[in-house]
Amino acid sequence: MRRLIALSLIPAVVAACSREDAQPPRPVEASPATSTPAAPAVGYACESGQTVSVAYAADETARLTYQGRVYDLRLAPSGSGARYTGSSLEWWSASRDGQERATLSRLGPNEQVGAAILERCARPTSGGASSAGEGGMVAVTAVCRAEDLSARIAGGDAGAGNRGAVVELTNIGDGPCSLSGHPSVQAQDAQGRTLTALRVEERSGDLRSGETPAPVSLTPEGKAFFDVTWTVVEGQGPCARVARLAITVGEDRTPLLLSTEFQPCGGRIGVTPFRAEGGASVGNPPTGAATKL
C-alpha cells in the first residue's frame, strides 16, 4: 500500500517542478560587504536598459553593482572568457571584435552553474585597466566620472513646436573611460534649485525599435553626446525657465553643471542615451553651436 501511495505522488511532484521552472528568476539578495580591494568600475550596457558596473580587483575578485545592490564575486573556472561567481550570481564575459559581451545569471541549486539569465550586456574594449580572463588578461575601461568630463551645448534643432539641444561631453582626464545608457539630468533655476515640477524622461532618440544603446569609449579628448528635448507649445502645460542642467554619469553622484537657458512647456523634458556621433538625433540640427536656447 505504501508503494502505491508513493507512486501516486510522482505526477504531482513532476508537475510542481515544471511550474517552478517556468517561473521568472527570483530576485537575488546582496551578499554582506567584504574587504574586496578598491578598483575602478567598468560599465556595461544591458539589453533591458539596465547598467551593470563591475570593479575587477587584482586578487581575482570582482564587486558587481546591479539595480542599486552590490555583490562580491570570485574568479571561477571557465572554458573561455572570464567567469565570476558568488552571492547566488554568475558573471561571464568574453571579448571579440572590439566588444566585451557578458551575461549575468542566477546560479542553480548547486551554486556552480548559471540556471537563468538575468541580463545580457556589452561594452567596447579599448585601452584602460585589465582583469583576469582567457589567456591571462581581458582589457577593461573605467566608467567616466564627473571630474573626467567637461560639458557644452554643441548644437540643436527646432521644428513644429519641439526643440532639442545636443550636449557634448569631452574626456579631459589622463586615461580612457566609458559611458553607457542614459545620463541622469536635473533641470535647475538661476539659483541652483532643482525644478521638481519638471519631469525628466528617458527617450530613445533615433534608435531603431528594440535596439540597445551602445556603450561609448572615450580616449583622452574623446567625445560623447546626448540630446535634451522639449516642447515650447504653451497649451500643453505650464512653461518653466531653466538656467542650468546638473548631469551625473555612471555611479558617480557628483554633478557636472552646464549653464544653458531654455523654457520647456508641458512639465517635462526628454533625455536620449549616450552616443559617439555629434549630430542631433532628433530633427534637423542647425549649423554652429548654441549656448542659449
Protein backbone atom coordinates (compact mmCIF):
# COMPACT_ATOMS: atom_id res chain seq x y z
CA MET A 1 0.00 0.00 0.00
CA ARG A 2 2.83 2.45 0.89
CA ARG A 3 4.40 1.75 -2.53
CA LEU A 4 1.09 2.60 -4.29
CA ILE A 5 0.81 5.88 -2.36
CA ALA A 6 4.39 6.84 -3.21
CA LEU A 7 3.86 6.10 -6.91
CA SER A 8 0.70 8.17 -6.96
CA LEU A 9 2.62 11.22 -5.70
CA ILE A 10 5.14 11.20 -8.58
CA PRO A 11 2.95 13.02 -11.18
CA ALA A 12 2.16 15.79 -8.64
CA VAL A 13 5.83 16.27 -7.81
CA VAL A 14 6.79 16.43 -11.52
CA ALA A 15 4.03 18.96 -12.20
CA ALA A 16 5.15 21.12 -9.28
CA CYS A 17 8.74 21.10 -10.54
CA SER A 18 7.58 22.10 -14.04
CA ARG A 19 5.65 25.06 -12.67
CA GLU A 20 8.66 26.22 -10.64
CA ASP A 21 10.98 26.03 -13.67
CA ALA A 22 8.55 28.19 -15.65
CA GLN A 23 8.67 31.00 -13.11
CA PRO A 24 10.94 34.03 -13.75
CA PRO A 25 14.17 34.18 -11.74
CA ARG A 26 13.69 35.19 -8.13
CA PRO A 27 15.41 38.42 -7.05
CA VAL A 28 18.86 37.77 -5.67
CA GLU A 29 19.97 39.21 -2.34
CA ALA A 30 23.18 41.15 -1.88
CA SER A 31 25.98 39.43 -0.02
CA PRO A 32 27.47 41.01 3.12
CA ALA A 33 30.18 43.58 2.40
CA THR A 34 33.69 42.15 2.32
CA SER A 35 37.19 43.58 2.19
CA THR A 36 37.47 43.41 -1.62
CA PRO A 37 40.21 45.88 -2.64
CA ALA A 38 39.00 49.08 -4.31
CA ALA A 39 39.27 49.11 -8.12
CA PRO A 40 37.88 51.33 -10.91
CA ALA A 41 34.40 50.29 -12.01
CA VAL A 42 33.65 49.19 -15.57
CA GLY A 43 30.21 49.93 -17.04
CA TYR A 44 28.21 47.52 -19.25
CA ALA A 45 25.00 48.48 -21.10
CA CYS A 46 22.37 45.72 -20.98
CA GLU A 47 19.56 44.81 -23.37
CA SER A 48 16.95 45.62 -20.70
CA GLY A 49 18.23 49.20 -20.39
CA GLN A 50 19.91 48.47 -17.06
CA THR A 51 23.60 49.17 -16.44
CA VAL A 52 25.88 46.67 -14.69
CA SER A 53 29.06 48.08 -13.10
CA VAL A 54 31.92 45.76 -12.18
CA ALA A 55 35.11 46.60 -10.27
CA TYR A 56 37.78 43.97 -11.00
CA ALA A 57 40.41 43.61 -8.27
CA ALA A 58 43.94 42.19 -8.52
CA ASP A 59 43.13 39.30 -6.14
CA GLU A 60 40.79 37.67 -8.70
CA THR A 61 37.66 39.08 -7.10
CA ALA A 62 35.05 41.40 -8.56
CA ARG A 63 32.47 43.71 -7.00
CA LEU A 64 29.35 43.90 -9.17
CA THR A 65 26.67 46.60 -8.83
CA TYR A 66 23.22 45.82 -10.26
CA GLN A 67 19.93 47.64 -9.61
CA GLY A 68 21.48 49.54 -6.71
CA ARG A 69 22.81 46.42 -4.94
CA VAL A 70 26.41 45.28 -4.55
CA TYR A 71 27.57 41.66 -4.96
CA ASP A 72 31.03 40.22 -4.22
CA LEU A 73 32.18 37.57 -6.71
CA ARG A 74 35.32 35.46 -7.21
CA LEU A 75 37.02 34.23 -10.39
CA ALA A 76 35.78 30.71 -11.25
CA PRO A 77 36.89 28.04 -13.77
CA SER A 78 35.60 28.51 -17.32
CA GLY A 79 36.25 27.05 -20.75
CA SER A 80 36.66 30.54 -22.21
CA GLY A 81 36.40 34.17 -21.17
CA ALA A 82 36.29 35.42 -17.58
CA ARG A 83 33.73 33.86 -15.21
CA TYR A 84 32.97 35.10 -11.69
CA THR A 85 30.53 33.55 -9.21
CA GLY A 86 29.19 34.32 -5.75
CA SER A 87 26.18 35.83 -3.97
CA SER A 88 23.95 33.42 -5.98
CA LEU A 89 25.11 35.10 -9.22
CA GLU A 90 27.30 34.24 -12.20
CA TRP A 91 29.00 36.95 -14.31
CA TRP A 92 30.57 35.57 -17.50
CA SER A 93 32.27 37.79 -20.10
CA ALA A 94 34.33 37.34 -23.27
CA SER A 95 35.89 39.80 -25.72
CA ARG A 96 35.77 39.63 -29.51
CA ASP A 97 35.94 42.12 -32.39
CA GLY A 98 36.30 45.16 -30.14
CA GLN A 99 33.34 44.27 -27.90
CA GLU A 100 33.19 42.61 -24.49
CA ARG A 101 29.90 40.76 -24.09
CA ALA A 102 28.70 39.39 -20.77
CA THR A 103 25.77 37.61 -19.17
CA LEU A 104 24.53 37.97 -15.61
CA SER A 105 22.79 34.79 -14.43
CA ARG A 106 21.21 33.38 -11.30
CA LEU A 107 23.12 30.32 -10.09
CA GLY A 108 21.34 26.99 -9.85
CA PRO A 109 20.75 25.00 -6.64
CA ASN A 110 24.33 23.70 -6.66
CA GLU A 111 25.68 27.30 -6.72
CA GLN A 112 28.05 26.30 -9.54
CA VAL A 113 26.25 26.70 -12.88
CA GLY A 114 24.13 29.60 -14.15
CA ALA A 115 20.48 28.50 -14.32
CA ALA A 116 18.63 31.62 -15.55
CA ILE A 117 19.99 34.64 -17.44
CA LEU A 118 19.05 37.96 -15.82
CA GLU A 119 20.87 40.34 -18.21
CA ARG A 120 22.80 40.32 -21.49
CA CYS A 121 25.28 43.21 -21.57
CA ALA A 122 28.13 44.65 -23.66
CA ARG A 123 30.76 47.38 -23.79
CA PRO A 124 33.60 48.41 -26.13
CA THR A 125 37.09 47.14 -25.28
CA SER A 126 39.74 49.76 -25.98
CA GLY A 127 42.50 50.61 -23.54
CA GLY A 128 42.17 51.03 -19.78
CA ALA A 129 42.98 48.71 -16.89
CA SER A 130 42.96 44.89 -17.11
CA SER A 131 41.38 41.94 -15.33
CA ALA A 132 41.99 38.19 -15.35
CA GLY A 133 40.45 36.20 -18.19
CA GLU A 134 41.24 33.80 -21.04
CA GLY A 135 44.95 33.89 -21.85
CA GLY A 136 45.64 35.87 -18.67
CA MET A 137 44.10 39.32 -19.21
CA VAL A 138 40.98 40.98 -20.60
CA ALA A 139 41.01 44.71 -21.40
CA VAL A 140 38.54 46.86 -19.44
CA THR A 141 37.79 50.58 -19.36
CA ALA A 142 36.87 52.58 -16.26
CA VAL A 143 33.49 54.31 -16.11
CA CYS A 144 33.80 58.08 -16.67
CA ARG A 145 33.44 60.32 -13.62
CA ALA A 146 32.31 63.95 -13.48
CA GLU A 147 35.87 65.12 -12.82
CA ASP A 148 36.96 63.40 -16.06
CA LEU A 149 34.49 65.37 -18.20
CA SER A 150 33.66 68.83 -19.49
CA ALA A 151 30.27 69.72 -20.98
CA ARG A 152 28.97 72.22 -23.52
CA ILE A 153 26.00 72.73 -25.85
CA ALA A 154 27.21 71.68 -29.32
CA GLY A 155 24.11 72.37 -31.42
CA GLY A 156 20.38 71.81 -31.52
CA ASP A 157 17.28 71.54 -33.65
CA ALA A 158 13.79 73.00 -33.85
CA GLY A 159 10.52 72.27 -35.61
CA ALA A 160 6.74 72.07 -35.11
CA GLY A 161 6.90 73.41 -31.55
CA ASN A 162 9.62 70.98 -30.50
CA ARG A 163 13.20 71.83 -29.54
CA GLY A 164 16.37 69.85 -28.95
CA ALA A 165 19.90 70.60 -27.70
CA VAL A 166 22.97 68.43 -28.32
CA VAL A 167 25.12 68.10 -25.19
CA GLU A 168 28.79 67.30 -25.84
CA LEU A 169 30.90 65.62 -23.13
CA THR A 170 34.70 65.62 -23.55
CA ASN A 171 37.11 63.36 -21.68
CA ILE A 172 39.58 65.77 -20.06
CA GLY A 173 41.17 63.04 -17.93
CA ASP A 174 44.54 61.35 -18.41
CA GLY A 175 43.17 57.93 -19.41
CA PRO A 176 40.28 56.34 -21.33
CA CYS A 177 36.83 55.95 -19.80
CA SER A 178 33.41 54.77 -20.95
CA LEU A 179 29.77 55.92 -20.81
CA SER A 180 26.66 53.79 -21.28
CA GLY A 181 22.88 54.11 -21.11
CA HIS A 182 21.26 57.44 -20.26
CA PRO A 183 22.76 60.27 -18.22
CA SER A 184 20.90 61.43 -15.13
CA VAL A 185 19.80 65.03 -15.66
CA GLN A 186 18.18 67.57 -13.35
CA ALA A 187 16.94 70.98 -14.50
CA GLN A 188 17.78 73.89 -12.19
CA ASP A 189 16.85 77.57 -11.93
CA ALA A 190 19.27 80.51 -11.79
CA GLN A 191 19.75 79.98 -8.02
CA GLY A 192 20.76 76.35 -8.49
CA ARG A 193 17.47 74.95 -7.18
CA THR A 194 16.09 71.78 -8.79
CA LEU A 195 12.86 72.37 -10.72
CA THR A 196 10.94 69.49 -9.16
CA ALA A 197 7.79 70.22 -11.22
CA LEU A 198 9.76 69.45 -14.40
CA ARG A 199 9.87 65.70 -15.05
CA VAL A 200 12.87 64.23 -16.92
CA GLU A 201 12.03 61.28 -19.19
CA GLU A 202 14.45 58.81 -20.82
CA ARG A 203 13.85 58.67 -24.59
CA SER A 204 15.33 56.59 -27.38
CA GLY A 205 16.31 59.38 -29.81
CA ASP A 206 16.84 57.97 -33.32
CA LEU A 207 17.49 54.38 -32.17
CA ARG A 208 15.64 51.74 -34.15
CA SER A 209 12.85 49.90 -32.32
CA GLY A 210 14.34 47.34 -29.96
CA GLU A 211 17.95 48.48 -30.45
CA THR A 212 20.08 48.58 -27.30
CA PRO A 213 22.05 51.79 -26.59
CA ALA A 214 25.73 51.01 -27.21
CA PRO A 215 28.46 51.92 -24.69
CA VAL A 216 30.76 54.75 -25.81
CA SER A 217 34.50 54.54 -25.09
CA LEU A 218 36.32 57.90 -24.76
CA THR A 219 40.07 58.22 -25.19
CA PRO A 220 41.60 61.41 -23.74
CA GLU A 221 39.97 64.35 -25.59
CA GLY A 222 37.38 61.91 -26.97
CA LYS A 223 33.73 62.99 -27.07
CA ALA A 224 30.28 61.55 -26.36
CA PHE A 225 26.89 63.15 -27.00
CA PHE A 226 23.28 63.05 -25.86
CA ASP A 227 20.20 65.17 -26.57
CA VAL A 228 17.85 67.14 -24.33
CA THR A 229 14.43 67.61 -25.94
CA TRP A 230 11.34 69.66 -25.02
CA THR A 231 8.26 71.40 -26.39
CA VAL A 232 7.55 75.15 -26.45
CA VAL A 233 3.80 74.79 -27.08
CA GLU A 234 2.23 76.61 -24.13
CA GLY A 235 -1.14 74.91 -24.45
CA GLN A 236 0.42 71.58 -23.39
CA GLY A 237 1.04 72.83 -19.85
CA PRO A 238 2.92 75.47 -17.83
CA CYS A 239 6.37 76.56 -19.03
CA ALA A 240 9.45 76.62 -16.78
CA ARG A 241 12.59 78.73 -17.03
CA VAL A 242 15.70 76.53 -16.95
CA ALA A 243 19.09 78.16 -16.29
CA ARG A 244 21.30 75.14 -15.69
CA LEU A 245 21.49 71.34 -16.11
CA ALA A 246 23.05 69.09 -13.44
CA ILE A 247 24.36 65.96 -15.20
CA THR A 248 25.52 62.79 -13.42
CA VAL A 249 27.04 59.74 -15.14
CA GLY A 250 27.50 56.11 -14.07
CA GLU A 251 27.68 55.54 -10.31
CA ASP A 252 29.27 58.98 -9.68
CA ARG A 253 26.80 61.21 -7.82
CA THR A 254 28.91 64.37 -8.30
CA PRO A 255 27.01 66.58 -10.79
CA LEU A 256 28.55 68.11 -13.88
CA LEU A 257 26.98 71.59 -14.18
CA LEU A 258 26.10 73.05 -17.58
CA SER A 259 24.70 76.60 -17.94
CA THR A 260 22.05 76.82 -20.68
CA GLU A 261 18.81 78.81 -20.81
CA PHE A 262 15.56 77.47 -22.27
CA GLN A 263 11.85 77.37 -21.42
CA PRO A 264 10.23 73.93 -21.76
CA CYS A 265 6.46 73.64 -21.57
CA GLY A 266 4.28 70.69 -20.62
CA GLY A 267 6.11 69.86 -17.38
CA ARG A 268 8.72 67.51 -18.90
CA ILE A 269 11.92 67.25 -20.89
CA GLY A 270 13.45 64.23 -22.61
CA VAL A 271 16.99 62.82 -22.48
CA THR A 272 18.45 60.37 -25.04
CA PRO A 273 21.25 57.78 -24.47
CA PHE A 274 24.94 58.49 -24.91
CA ARG A 275 26.21 58.12 -28.48
CA ALA A 276 29.53 58.55 -30.27
CA GLU A 277 28.35 60.82 -33.09
CA GLY A 278 27.73 64.53 -32.64
CA GLY A 279 24.76 65.15 -34.96
CA ALA A 280 21.38 65.74 -33.40
CA SER A 281 19.41 62.51 -33.10
CA VAL A 282 16.02 64.23 -33.47
CA GLY A 283 15.01 66.55 -36.31
CA ASN A 284 17.46 68.60 -38.39
CA PRO A 285 20.28 70.33 -36.45
CA PRO A 286 21.13 73.92 -37.34
CA THR A 287 24.71 74.83 -38.19
CA GLY A 288 27.05 76.12 -35.48
CA ALA A 289 26.98 75.75 -31.70
CA ALA A 290 24.49 77.18 -29.24
CA THR A 291 24.87 78.13 -25.59
CA LYS A 292 21.46 79.75 -25.12
CA LEU A 293 18.31 78.04 -26.39
